[in-house]
Amino acid sequence: MASNGVNILETLSNELGTAVEKAAAAVLMVHGRRRFPSGGVQWQKGVVVTANHTLRRDEGITLTLPDGREVPATVTGRDPTTDLAILRIQEGEVALPQIGETDSLKAGQLALAVGRVDGVPRASLTAIGLLGGPWRTWYGGEIEQLIRLDRELHPTLSGGPLVDTRGRVLGINTSGLSRVLGVTIPAVTVNRVVQVLLEKGHFPRGYLGLGLLSIPFPHNLQGRKLFSQFDSTAGRCLIVLNVEPEGPAGMAGVLVGDLVAGLDGVPVRDTDDVQRLLSAEQVGKGVAASIIRGGNPIEVMITVSERPYRES
């Protein structure tokens, strides 16, 4: 196809190749599991970001640099809930990427998943299949923007970047947060998680020590003004199925069979509502639980603790 003597497809092809070449200067091959390596990006000097699910061990991890050399790396932090992990390497070994914005992305726009195989760049042309707002992974991690690709990711591309047609890195690709198509963890989320992992080595989560199940609001209580902040017209609430005796809620006196209608005056209809209110910033602070026990409303103050960290 030509216009005024210019081959549009050839021009596009050349621009995509240039974009891959530009981004690949910051892309490494991560050897943290059997069979397939994964991708990684030097996000800051000496700090490489990859997909957590591709690191099946903590020791003996190496990286293949853009110049083909293999160097050791140390796992510095993991956050399984957002499927991000960071590794330390010697500073000055790899270039830094240009980070792009994702706010102006549109469904259908072309992008490139970039990785490395045998030390050389690998690229897969894809398109933005679906865009959405903030979402929560099935592990409870908060992602600022949903970016779903229109195709599956080859295992070697998980942990590598999504790159726009100008070679700017938009985020980290992973197949660990979706059962079908690949998703991209946007740069804004990566920045936030990396900062916490550098400080703590893991991502703290608020914790109540409760097993909860969403149920319809009991029929005999519907229409009653149980609490000043809200009433039973919310439609659903949470029943306590399990209480860890030494957990925050157990120490505060919450019992199996209690109905949790709200936290700090905000109605909770399902467990996602609870997770949204248990951010890292809430750890160490008190939360007022609006509870119905035996048909009567009571308020229990629970001090949120940090969820016990278990390495995955």
C-alpha atoms as a PDB file:
ATOM      1  CA  MET A   1       0.000   0.000   0.000  1.00  0.00           C
ATOM      2  CA  ALA A   2       1.498   3.325  -1.035  1.00  0.00           C
ATOM      3  CA  SER A   3       0.578   6.990  -0.711  1.00  0.00           C
ATOM      4  CA  ASN A   4       2.558   9.645  -2.533  1.00  0.00           C
ATOM      5  CA  GLY A   5       5.306   7.123  -3.084  1.00  0.00           C
ATOM      6  CA  VAL A   6       5.436   6.115   0.604  1.00  0.00           C
ATOM      7  CA  ASN A   7       4.808   2.494   1.558  1.00  0.00           C
ATOM      8  CA  ILE A   8       2.652   2.842   4.662  1.00  0.00           C
ATOM      9  CA  LEU A   9       3.089  -0.762   5.787  1.00  0.00           C
ATOM     10  CA  GLU A  10       6.849  -0.569   5.398  1.00  0.00           C
ATOM     11  CA  THR A  11       6.916   2.683   7.375  1.00  0.00           C
ATOM     12  CA  LEU A  12       4.817   1.139  10.145  1.00  0.00           C
ATOM     13  CA  SER A  13       7.015  -1.957  10.157  1.00  0.00           C
ATOM     14  CA  ASN A  14      10.164   0.137  10.487  1.00  0.00           C
ATOM     15  CA  GLU A  15       8.661   2.199  13.298  1.00  0.00           C
ATOM     16  CA  LEU A  16       7.662  -0.928  15.227  1.00  0.00           C
ATOM     17  CA  GLY A  17      11.144  -2.345  14.798  1.00  0.00           C
ATOM     18  CA  THR A  18      12.654   0.894  16.089  1.00  0.00           C
ATOM     19  CA  ALA A  19      10.283   0.859  19.076  1.00  0.00           C
ATOM     20  CA  VAL A  20      11.349  -2.672  20.008  1.00  0.00           C
ATOM     21  CA  GLU A  21      15.016  -1.802  19.613  1.00  0.00           C
ATOM     22  CA  LYS A  22      14.624   1.229  21.873  1.00  0.00           C
ATOM     23  CA  ALA A  23      12.727  -0.598  24.622  1.00  0.00           C
ATOM     24  CA  ALA A  24      14.842  -3.763  24.454  1.00  0.00           C
ATOM     25  CA  ALA A  25      17.883  -1.860  25.750  1.00  0.00           C
ATOM     26  CA  ALA A  26      16.241  -2.059  29.205  1.00  0.00           C
ATOM     27  CA  VAL A  27      14.864  -5.610  28.866  1.00  0.00           C
ATOM     28  CA  LEU A  28      16.594  -8.631  30.377  1.00  0.00           C
ATOM     29  CA  MET A  29      16.040 -12.376  30.359  1.00  0.00           C
ATOM     30  CA  VAL A  30      15.266 -13.701  33.848  1.00  0.00           C
ATOM     31  CA  HIS A  31      16.200 -17.281  34.765  1.00  0.00           C
ATOM     32  CA  GLY A  32      14.053 -18.081  37.777  1.00  0.00           C
ATOM     33  CA  ARG A  33      12.232 -21.269  36.781  1.00  0.00           C
ATOM     34  CA  ARG A  34      12.650 -24.406  34.700  1.00  0.00           C
ATOM     35  CA  ARG A  35      12.195 -24.602  30.941  1.00  0.00           C
ATOM     36  CA  PHE A  36      11.210 -21.024  30.134  1.00  0.00           C
ATOM     37  CA  PRO A  37      12.973 -17.828  31.162  1.00  0.00           C
ATOM     38  CA  SER A  38      10.834 -14.748  31.664  1.00  0.00           C
ATOM     39  CA  GLY A  39      11.209 -11.084  30.890  1.00  0.00           C
ATOM     40  CA  GLY A  40      12.352  -8.292  33.141  1.00  0.00           C
ATOM     41  CA  VAL A  41      12.843  -4.519  32.947  1.00  0.00           C
ATOM     42  CA  GLN A  42      15.451  -2.445  34.760  1.00  0.00           C
ATOM     43  CA  TRP A  43      12.898  -0.051  36.253  1.00  0.00           C
ATOM     44  CA  GLN A  44      15.374   1.922  38.336  1.00  0.00           C
ATOM     45  CA  LYS A  45      19.154   1.786  38.470  1.00  0.00           C
ATOM     46  CA  GLY A  46      20.029  -1.656  39.772  1.00  0.00           C
ATOM     47  CA  VAL A  47      16.360  -2.644  40.246  1.00  0.00           C
ATOM     48  CA  VAL A  48      14.753  -5.110  37.830  1.00  0.00           C
ATOM     49  CA  VAL A  49      10.997  -5.704  37.808  1.00  0.00           C
ATOM     50  CA  THR A  50       9.513  -9.002  36.646  1.00  0.00           C
ATOM     51  CA  ALA A  51       6.370 -11.111  37.118  1.00  0.00           C
ATOM     52  CA  ASN A  52       6.409 -12.762  40.533  1.00  0.00           C
ATOM     53  CA  HIS A  53       4.851 -16.031  39.335  1.00  0.00           C
ATOM     54  CA  THR A  54       7.841 -16.654  37.064  1.00  0.00           C
ATOM     55  CA  LEU A  55      10.278 -16.725  40.002  1.00  0.00           C
ATOM     56  CA  ARG A  56       9.964 -20.282  41.319  1.00  0.00           C
ATOM     57  CA  ARG A  57      12.984 -19.963  43.595  1.00  0.00           C
ATOM     58  CA  ASP A  58      14.792 -17.345  45.671  1.00  0.00           C
ATOM     59  CA  GLU A  59      18.363 -18.524  45.145  1.00  0.00           C
ATOM     60  CA  GLY A  60      20.454 -19.091  42.052  1.00  0.00           C
ATOM     61  CA  ILE A  61      18.608 -16.560  39.880  1.00  0.00           C
ATOM     62  CA  THR A  62      20.545 -15.104  36.972  1.00  0.00           C
ATOM     63  CA  LEU A  63      19.814 -12.512  34.303  1.00  0.00           C
ATOM     64  CA  THR A  64      20.924 -12.364  30.694  1.00  0.00           C
ATOM     65  CA  LEU A  65      21.826  -8.788  29.816  1.00  0.00           C
ATOM     66  CA  PRO A  66      21.243  -7.131  26.430  1.00  0.00           C
ATOM     67  CA  ASP A  67      24.922  -7.695  25.565  1.00  0.00           C
ATOM     68  CA  GLY A  68      24.551 -11.455  26.173  1.00  0.00           C
ATOM     69  CA  ARG A  69      26.373 -11.663  29.493  1.00  0.00           C
ATOM     70  CA  GLU A  70      24.799 -13.612  32.342  1.00  0.00           C
ATOM     71  CA  VAL A  71      24.927 -12.052  35.807  1.00  0.00           C
ATOM     72  CA  PRO A  72      23.577 -13.058  39.247  1.00  0.00           C
ATOM     73  CA  ALA A  73      20.554 -11.347  40.739  1.00  0.00           C
ATOM     74  CA  THR A  74      19.089 -11.180  44.238  1.00  0.00           C
ATOM     75  CA  VAL A  75      15.362 -11.242  45.008  1.00  0.00           C
ATOM     76  CA  THR A  76      14.666  -8.055  46.976  1.00  0.00           C
ATOM     77  CA  GLY A  77      10.894  -8.164  47.300  1.00  0.00           C
ATOM     78  CA  ARG A  78       7.713  -9.867  46.139  1.00  0.00           C
ATOM     79  CA  ASP A  79       4.054  -8.961  45.975  1.00  0.00           C
ATOM     80  CA  PRO A  80       2.072 -12.030  44.840  1.00  0.00           C
ATOM     81  CA  THR A  81      -1.191 -10.045  44.940  1.00  0.00           C
ATOM     82  CA  THR A  82      -0.108  -7.839  42.026  1.00  0.00           C
ATOM     83  CA  ASP A  83       2.257 -10.483  40.583  1.00  0.00           C
ATOM     84  CA  LEU A  84       5.270  -8.189  40.802  1.00  0.00           C
ATOM     85  CA  ALA A  85       8.755  -8.930  42.101  1.00  0.00           C
ATOM     86  CA  ILE A  86      11.978  -6.950  42.136  1.00  0.00           C
ATOM     87  CA  LEU A  87      15.577  -8.114  41.735  1.00  0.00           C
ATOM     88  CA  ARG A  88      18.850  -6.370  42.450  1.00  0.00           C
ATOM     89  CA  ILE A  89      21.731  -6.234  39.969  1.00  0.00           C
ATOM     90  CA  GLN A  90      24.881  -4.178  39.736  1.00  0.00           C
ATOM     91  CA  GLU A  91      24.091  -0.629  38.690  1.00  0.00           C
ATOM     92  CA  GLY A  92      25.173   0.571  35.257  1.00  0.00           C
ATOM     93  CA  GLU A  93      24.738  -2.792  33.523  1.00  0.00           C
ATOM     94  CA  VAL A  94      21.534  -1.974  31.617  1.00  0.00           C
ATOM     95  CA  ALA A  95      19.793   1.098  30.194  1.00  0.00           C
ATOM     96  CA  LEU A  96      16.724   2.628  31.811  1.00  0.00           C
ATOM     97  CA  PRO A  97      13.420   2.644  29.898  1.00  0.00           C
ATOM     98  CA  GLN A  98      11.327   5.630  28.957  1.00  0.00           C
ATOM     99  CA  ILE A  99       8.071   5.225  30.861  1.00  0.00           C
ATOM    100  CA  GLY A 100       4.881   6.168  29.035  1.00  0.00           C
ATOM    101  CA  GLU A 101       1.426   7.176  30.251  1.00  0.00           C
ATOM    102  CA  THR A 102      -1.563   4.852  29.915  1.00  0.00           C
ATOM    103  CA  ASP A 103      -4.340   7.389  30.554  1.00  0.00           C
ATOM    104  CA  SER A 104      -4.750   8.114  26.840  1.00  0.00           C
ATOM    105  CA  LEU A 105      -4.767   4.473  25.704  1.00  0.00           C
ATOM    106  CA  LYS A 106      -7.688   3.311  23.585  1.00  0.00           C
ATOM    107  CA  ALA A 107      -9.001  -0.154  22.875  1.00  0.00           C
ATOM    108  CA  GLY A 108      -7.697  -1.336  19.520  1.00  0.00           C
ATOM    109  CA  GLN A 109      -4.411   0.540  19.621  1.00  0.00           C
ATOM    110  CA  LEU A 110      -1.338  -1.427  18.642  1.00  0.00           C
ATOM    111  CA  ALA A 111       1.311  -2.286  21.202  1.00  0.00           C
ATOM    112  CA  LEU A 112       4.235  -4.687  21.554  1.00  0.00           C
ATOM    113  CA  ALA A 113       5.018  -7.285  24.197  1.00  0.00           C
ATOM    114  CA  VAL A 114       8.806  -7.395  24.421  1.00  0.00           C
ATOM    115  CA  GLY A 115      11.128  -9.951  25.966  1.00  0.00           C
ATOM    116  CA  ARG A 116      14.373 -11.790  25.264  1.00  0.00           C
ATOM    117  CA  VAL A 117      15.169 -15.270  24.017  1.00  0.00           C
ATOM    118  CA  ASP A 118      18.774 -16.543  23.973  1.00  0.00           C
ATOM    119  CA  GLY A 119      19.851 -12.992  24.689  1.00  0.00           C
ATOM    120  CA  VAL A 120      18.207 -11.389  21.654  1.00  0.00           C
ATOM    121  CA  PRO A 121      14.999  -9.305  21.649  1.00  0.00           C
ATOM    122  CA  ARG A 122      11.678 -11.023  21.112  1.00  0.00           C
ATOM    123  CA  ALA A 123       8.539  -9.084  20.240  1.00  0.00           C
ATOM    124  CA  SER A 124       4.884  -9.929  19.780  1.00  0.00           C
ATOM    125  CA  LEU A 125       2.537  -7.484  18.104  1.00  0.00           C
ATOM    126  CA  THR A 126      -0.696  -7.170  20.040  1.00  0.00           C
ATOM    127  CA  ALA A 127      -3.541  -4.730  20.523  1.00  0.00           C
ATOM    128  CA  ILE A 128      -5.262  -3.274  23.542  1.00  0.00           C
ATOM    129  CA  GLY A 129      -8.269  -5.544  23.816  1.00  0.00           C
ATOM    130  CA  LEU A 130     -10.008  -4.040  26.828  1.00  0.00           C
ATOM    131  CA  LEU A 131      -9.525  -1.011  29.055  1.00  0.00           C
ATOM    132  CA  GLY A 132     -11.158  -0.393  32.404  1.00  0.00           C
ATOM    133  CA  GLY A 133     -10.809   1.380  35.707  1.00  0.00           C
ATOM    134  CA  PRO A 134      -9.206   0.228  38.950  1.00  0.00           C
ATOM    135  CA  TRP A 135      -9.618  -3.454  39.719  1.00  0.00           C
ATOM    136  CA  ARG A 136      -8.650  -6.014  42.326  1.00  0.00           C
ATOM    137  CA  THR A 137      -6.873  -9.259  41.492  1.00  0.00           C
ATOM    138  CA  TRP A 138      -8.197 -12.551  42.804  1.00  0.00           C
ATOM    139  CA  TYR A 139      -5.338 -12.410  45.343  1.00  0.00           C
ATOM    140  CA  GLY A 140      -6.512  -9.034  46.676  1.00  0.00           C
ATOM    141  CA  GLY A 141      -3.994  -6.781  44.920  1.00  0.00           C
ATOM    142  CA  GLU A 142      -5.056  -3.334  43.757  1.00  0.00           C
ATOM    143  CA  ILE A 143      -4.356  -2.396  40.123  1.00  0.00           C
ATOM    144  CA  GLU A 144      -5.005   1.219  39.119  1.00  0.00           C
ATOM    145  CA  GLN A 145      -6.154   0.418  35.557  1.00  0.00           C
ATOM    146  CA  LEU A 146      -7.332  -2.665  33.705  1.00  0.00           C
ATOM    147  CA  ILE A 147      -5.307  -3.220  30.527  1.00  0.00           C
ATOM    148  CA  ARG A 148      -6.188  -6.514  28.874  1.00  0.00           C
ATOM    149  CA  LEU A 149      -4.400  -7.578  25.718  1.00  0.00           C
ATOM    150  CA  ASP A 150      -6.094  -9.270  22.775  1.00  0.00           C
ATOM    151  CA  ARG A 151      -3.942 -12.408  22.887  1.00  0.00           C
ATOM    152  CA  GLU A 152      -2.244 -14.884  25.173  1.00  0.00           C
ATOM    153  CA  LEU A 153       1.334 -14.287  26.219  1.00  0.00           C
ATOM    154  CA  HIS A 154       4.159 -16.676  25.465  1.00  0.00           C
ATOM    155  CA  PRO A 155       5.809 -17.640  28.791  1.00  0.00           C
ATOM    156  CA  THR A 156       8.997 -15.770  27.867  1.00  0.00           C
ATOM    157  CA  LEU A 157       7.032 -12.509  27.587  1.00  0.00           C
ATOM    158  CA  SER A 158       5.595 -12.574  31.124  1.00  0.00           C
ATOM    159  CA  GLY A 159       7.525 -10.080  33.224  1.00  0.00           C
ATOM    160  CA  GLY A 160       8.553  -8.089  30.176  1.00  0.00           C
ATOM    161  CA  PRO A 161       7.162  -4.707  29.157  1.00  0.00           C
ATOM    162  CA  LEU A 162       4.221  -3.595  27.069  1.00  0.00           C
ATOM    163  CA  VAL A 163       5.665  -1.037  24.674  1.00  0.00           C
ATOM    164  CA  ASP A 164       3.875   1.584  22.606  1.00  0.00           C
ATOM    165  CA  THR A 165       4.793   2.416  19.006  1.00  0.00           C
ATOM    166  CA  ARG A 166       7.279   5.040  20.229  1.00  0.00           C
ATOM    167  CA  GLY A 167       9.204   2.552  22.355  1.00  0.00           C
ATOM    168  CA  ARG A 168       7.835   3.785  25.688  1.00  0.00           C
ATOM    169  CA  VAL A 169       7.184   1.209  28.411  1.00  0.00           C
ATOM    170  CA  LEU A 170       3.538   1.260  29.518  1.00  0.00           C
ATOM    171  CA  GLY A 171       3.720  -1.457  32.151  1.00  0.00           C
ATOM    172  CA  ILE A 172       4.654  -5.058  32.919  1.00  0.00           C
ATOM    173  CA  ASN A 173       2.936  -7.945  31.111  1.00  0.00           C
ATOM    174  CA  THR A 174       1.793 -11.040  32.967  1.00  0.00           C
ATOM    175  CA  SER A 175      -0.198 -14.190  32.381  1.00  0.00           C
ATOM    176  CA  GLY A 176      -0.368 -14.776  36.137  1.00  0.00           C
ATOM    177  CA  LEU A 177      -3.438 -12.608  36.759  1.00  0.00           C
ATOM    178  CA  SER A 178      -5.691 -13.968  34.019  1.00  0.00           C
ATOM    179  CA  ARG A 179      -6.718 -17.472  32.990  1.00  0.00           C
ATOM    180  CA  VAL A 180      -6.968 -16.611  29.312  1.00  0.00           C
ATOM    181  CA  LEU A 181      -5.535 -13.421  27.813  1.00  0.00           C
ATOM    182  CA  GLY A 182      -2.527 -11.479  28.992  1.00  0.00           C
ATOM    183  CA  VAL A 183      -2.876  -8.369  31.116  1.00  0.00           C
ATOM    184  CA  THR A 184      -0.547  -5.439  31.667  1.00  0.00           C
ATOM    185  CA  ILE A 185       0.156  -4.021  35.109  1.00  0.00           C
ATOM    186  CA  PRO A 186       0.276  -0.271  34.373  1.00  0.00           C
ATOM    187  CA  ALA A 187       3.381   1.746  35.163  1.00  0.00           C
ATOM    188  CA  VAL A 188       1.583   3.707  37.892  1.00  0.00           C
ATOM    189  CA  THR A 189       0.939   0.458  39.784  1.00  0.00           C
ATOM    190  CA  VAL A 190       4.485  -0.770  39.191  1.00  0.00           C
ATOM    191  CA  ASN A 191       5.899   2.481  40.594  1.00  0.00           C
ATOM    192  CA  ARG A 192       3.753   2.238  43.718  1.00  0.00           C
ATOM    193  CA  VAL A 193       4.542  -1.414  44.412  1.00  0.00           C
ATOM    194  CA  VAL A 194       8.262  -1.062  43.682  1.00  0.00           C
ATOM    195  CA  GLN A 195       8.549   1.777  46.204  1.00  0.00           C
ATOM    196  CA  VAL A 196       6.982  -0.346  48.960  1.00  0.00           C
ATOM    197  CA  LEU A 197       8.987  -3.462  48.066  1.00  0.00           C
ATOM    198  CA  LEU A 198      12.225  -1.504  48.235  1.00  0.00           C
ATOM    199  CA  GLU A 199      11.278  -0.343  51.726  1.00  0.00           C
ATOM    200  CA  LYS A 200       9.753  -3.522  53.176  1.00  0.00           C
ATOM    201  CA  GLY A 201      10.512  -6.458  50.866  1.00  0.00           C
ATOM    202  CA  HIS A 202       6.818  -7.305  50.726  1.00  0.00           C
ATOM    203  CA  PHE A 203       3.538  -5.425  50.406  1.00  0.00           C
ATOM    204  CA  PRO A 204       1.695  -5.047  53.725  1.00  0.00           C
ATOM    205  CA  ARG A 205      -2.047  -5.779  53.770  1.00  0.00           C
ATOM    206  CA  GLY A 206      -4.616  -5.000  56.408  1.00  0.00           C
ATOM    207  CA  TYR A 207      -5.867  -8.005  58.344  1.00  0.00           C
ATOM    208  CA  LEU A 208      -8.863  -8.701  60.607  1.00  0.00           C
ATOM    209  CA  GLY A 209      -8.516 -12.462  61.107  1.00  0.00           C
ATOM    210  CA  LEU A 210     -12.066 -13.229  59.973  1.00  0.00           C
ATOM    211  CA  GLY A 211     -13.638 -15.723  57.611  1.00  0.00           C
ATOM    212  CA  LEU A 212     -16.576 -13.927  55.980  1.00  0.00           C
ATOM    213  CA  LEU A 213     -19.358 -14.845  53.555  1.00  0.00           C
ATOM    214  CA  SER A 214     -21.738 -12.499  51.749  1.00  0.00           C
ATOM    215  CA  ILE A 215     -25.405 -13.279  52.429  1.00  0.00           C
ATOM    216  CA  PRO A 216     -28.761 -11.540  51.838  1.00  0.00           C
ATOM    217  CA  PHE A 217     -29.682  -9.211  54.675  1.00  0.00           C
ATOM    218  CA  PRO A 218     -31.950 -11.233  57.012  1.00  0.00           C
ATOM    219  CA  HIS A 219     -35.581 -10.736  56.053  1.00  0.00           C
ATOM    220  CA  ASN A 220     -36.728 -10.087  59.620  1.00  0.00           C
ATOM    221  CA  LEU A 221     -34.248  -7.193  59.925  1.00  0.00           C
ATOM    222  CA  GLN A 222     -34.950  -5.494  56.625  1.00  0.00           C
ATOM    223  CA  GLY A 223     -36.314  -1.984  56.904  1.00  0.00           C
ATOM    224  CA  ARG A 224     -34.989  -1.431  60.421  1.00  0.00           C
ATOM    225  CA  LYS A 225     -32.786   1.598  61.068  1.00  0.00           C
ATOM    226  CA  LEU A 226     -30.033  -0.410  62.754  1.00  0.00           C
ATOM    227  CA  PHE A 227     -27.247   2.150  62.544  1.00  0.00           C
ATOM    228  CA  SER A 228     -27.249   5.924  62.210  1.00  0.00           C
ATOM    229  CA  GLN A 229     -24.954   5.878  59.173  1.00  0.00           C
ATOM    230  CA  PHE A 230     -26.966   3.426  57.046  1.00  0.00           C
ATOM    231  CA  ASP A 231     -29.831   0.978  57.231  1.00  0.00           C
ATOM    232  CA  SER A 232     -30.605  -2.572  56.176  1.00  0.00           C
ATOM    233  CA  THR A 233     -31.750  -1.568  52.693  1.00  0.00           C
ATOM    234  CA  ALA A 234     -28.192  -2.312  51.503  1.00  0.00           C
ATOM    235  CA  GLY A 235     -29.530  -5.747  50.575  1.00  0.00           C
ATOM    236  CA  ARG A 236     -26.534  -7.839  51.685  1.00  0.00           C
ATOM    237  CA  CYS A 237     -24.157  -8.145  54.602  1.00  0.00           C
ATOM    238  CA  LEU A 238     -21.370 -10.487  55.742  1.00  0.00           C
ATOM    239  CA  ILE A 239     -21.731 -13.360  58.168  1.00  0.00           C
ATOM    240  CA  VAL A 240     -18.730 -14.356  60.284  1.00  0.00           C
ATOM    241  CA  LEU A 241     -17.912 -18.030  59.644  1.00  0.00           C
ATOM    242  CA  ASN A 242     -14.538 -18.176  61.342  1.00  0.00           C
ATOM    243  CA  VAL A 243     -12.634 -16.086  63.880  1.00  0.00           C
ATOM    244  CA  GLU A 244      -8.930 -16.467  64.562  1.00  0.00           C
ATOM    245  CA  PRO A 245      -8.787 -16.285  68.386  1.00  0.00           C
ATOM    246  CA  GLU A 246      -5.504 -14.351  68.438  1.00  0.00           C
ATOM    247  CA  GLY A 247      -6.419 -12.205  65.422  1.00  0.00           C
ATOM    248  CA  PRO A 248      -7.473  -8.543  65.596  1.00  0.00           C
ATOM    249  CA  ALA A 249     -11.214  -9.226  65.406  1.00  0.00           C
ATOM    250  CA  GLY A 250     -11.024 -12.148  67.819  1.00  0.00           C
ATOM    251  CA  MET A 251      -9.181 -10.027  70.372  1.00  0.00           C
ATOM    252  CA  ALA A 252     -11.846  -7.339  69.938  1.00  0.00           C
ATOM    253  CA  GLY A 253     -14.656  -9.767  70.744  1.00  0.00           C
ATOM    254  CA  VAL A 254     -16.159 -10.579  67.321  1.00  0.00           C
ATOM    255  CA  LEU A 255     -17.983 -13.946  67.376  1.00  0.00           C
ATOM    256  CA  VAL A 256     -18.881 -16.619  64.836  1.00  0.00           C
ATOM    257  CA  GLY A 257     -22.411 -15.890  63.596  1.00  0.00           C
ATOM    258  CA  ASP A 258     -22.122 -12.124  63.901  1.00  0.00           C
ATOM    259  CA  LEU A 259     -23.345 -10.131  60.917  1.00  0.00           C
ATOM    260  CA  VAL A 260     -20.975  -7.419  59.711  1.00  0.00           C
ATOM    261  CA  ALA A 261     -22.971  -4.629  58.101  1.00  0.00           C
ATOM    262  CA  GLY A 262     -20.336  -1.919  57.811  1.00  0.00           C
ATOM    263  CA  LEU A 263     -16.824  -0.727  58.586  1.00  0.00           C
ATOM    264  CA  ASP A 264     -16.258   2.870  59.660  1.00  0.00           C
ATOM    265  CA  GLY A 265     -19.787   3.714  58.554  1.00  0.00           C
ATOM    266  CA  VAL A 266     -19.347   2.268  55.056  1.00  0.00           C
ATOM    267  CA  PRO A 267     -21.719  -0.613  54.152  1.00  0.00           C
ATOM    268  CA  VAL A 268     -19.972  -3.889  53.268  1.00  0.00           C
ATOM    269  CA  ARG A 269     -21.879  -6.198  50.963  1.00  0.00           C
ATOM    270  CA  ASP A 270     -19.111  -8.613  49.959  1.00  0.00           C
ATOM    271  CA  THR A 271     -15.528  -9.443  50.888  1.00  0.00           C
ATOM    272  CA  ASP A 272     -14.181  -7.103  48.187  1.00  0.00           C
ATOM    273  CA  ASP A 273     -15.720  -4.204  50.111  1.00  0.00           C
ATOM    274  CA  VAL A 274     -13.754  -5.276  53.180  1.00  0.00           C
ATOM    275  CA  GLN A 275     -10.504  -5.635  51.233  1.00  0.00           C
ATOM    276  CA  ARG A 276     -10.881  -2.147  49.804  1.00  0.00           C
ATOM    277  CA  LEU A 277     -11.044  -0.755  53.334  1.00  0.00           C
ATOM    278  CA  LEU A 278      -7.976  -2.698  54.537  1.00  0.00           C
ATOM    279  CA  SER A 279      -5.247  -0.825  52.708  1.00  0.00           C
ATOM    280  CA  ALA A 280      -1.636  -0.733  53.854  1.00  0.00           C
ATOM    281  CA  GLU A 281      -2.312   2.720  55.339  1.00  0.00           C
ATOM    282  CA  GLN A 282      -4.958   1.219  57.649  1.00  0.00           C
ATOM    283  CA  VAL A 283      -2.493  -1.099  59.425  1.00  0.00           C
ATOM    284  CA  GLY A 284      -2.194  -0.123  63.081  1.00  0.00           C
ATOM    285  CA  LYS A 285      -5.355   1.976  63.037  1.00  0.00           C
ATOM    286  CA  GLY A 286      -8.753   1.265  64.531  1.00  0.00           C
ATOM    287  CA  VAL A 287     -11.790   0.436  62.420  1.00  0.00           C
ATOM    288  CA  ALA A 288     -15.337   0.579  63.783  1.00  0.00           C
ATOM    289  CA  ALA A 289     -17.239  -2.564  62.814  1.00  0.00           C
ATOM    290  CA  SER A 290     -21.038  -2.239  62.700  1.00  0.00           C
ATOM    291  CA  ILE A 291     -22.203  -5.678  63.825  1.00  0.00           C
ATOM    292  CA  ILE A 292     -25.617  -7.256  64.309  1.00  0.00           C
ATOM    293  CA  ARG A 293     -25.687  -9.878  67.072  1.00  0.00           C
ATOM    294  CA  GLY A 294     -28.941 -11.559  68.021  1.00  0.00           C
ATOM    295  CA  GLY A 295     -30.836  -8.949  66.018  1.00  0.00           C
ATOM    296  CA  ASN A 296     -29.314  -6.056  67.919  1.00  0.00           C
ATOM    297  CA  PRO A 297     -26.792  -3.554  66.543  1.00  0.00           C
ATOM    298  CA  ILE A 298     -23.460  -3.159  68.326  1.00  0.00           C
ATOM    299  CA  GLU A 299     -20.220  -1.450  67.392  1.00  0.00           C
ATOM    300  CA  VAL A 300     -16.869  -3.162  67.875  1.00  0.00           C
ATOM    301  CA  MET A 301     -13.560  -1.325  67.523  1.00  0.00           C
ATOM    302  CA  ILE A 302     -10.924  -3.496  65.828  1.00  0.00           C
ATOM    303  CA  THR A 303      -7.266  -2.550  65.496  1.00  0.00           C
ATOM    304  CA  VAL A 304      -6.181  -3.603  62.011  1.00  0.00           C
ATOM    305  CA  SER A 305      -2.935  -5.570  61.960  1.00  0.00           C
ATOM    306  CA  GLU A 306      -0.642  -6.501  59.104  1.00  0.00           C
ATOM    307  CA  ARG A 307      -1.526  -9.738  57.360  1.00  0.00           C
ATOM    308  CA  PRO A 308       1.048 -12.422  58.200  1.00  0.00           C
ATOM    309  CA  TYR A 309       3.438 -12.556  55.274  1.00  0.00           C
ATOM    310  CA  ARG A 310       4.027 -15.915  53.664  1.00  0.00           C
ATOM    311  CA  GLU A 311       6.512 -16.111  50.822  1.00  0.00           C
ATOM    312  CA  SER A 312       5.039 -17.689  47.725  1.00  0.00           C
END
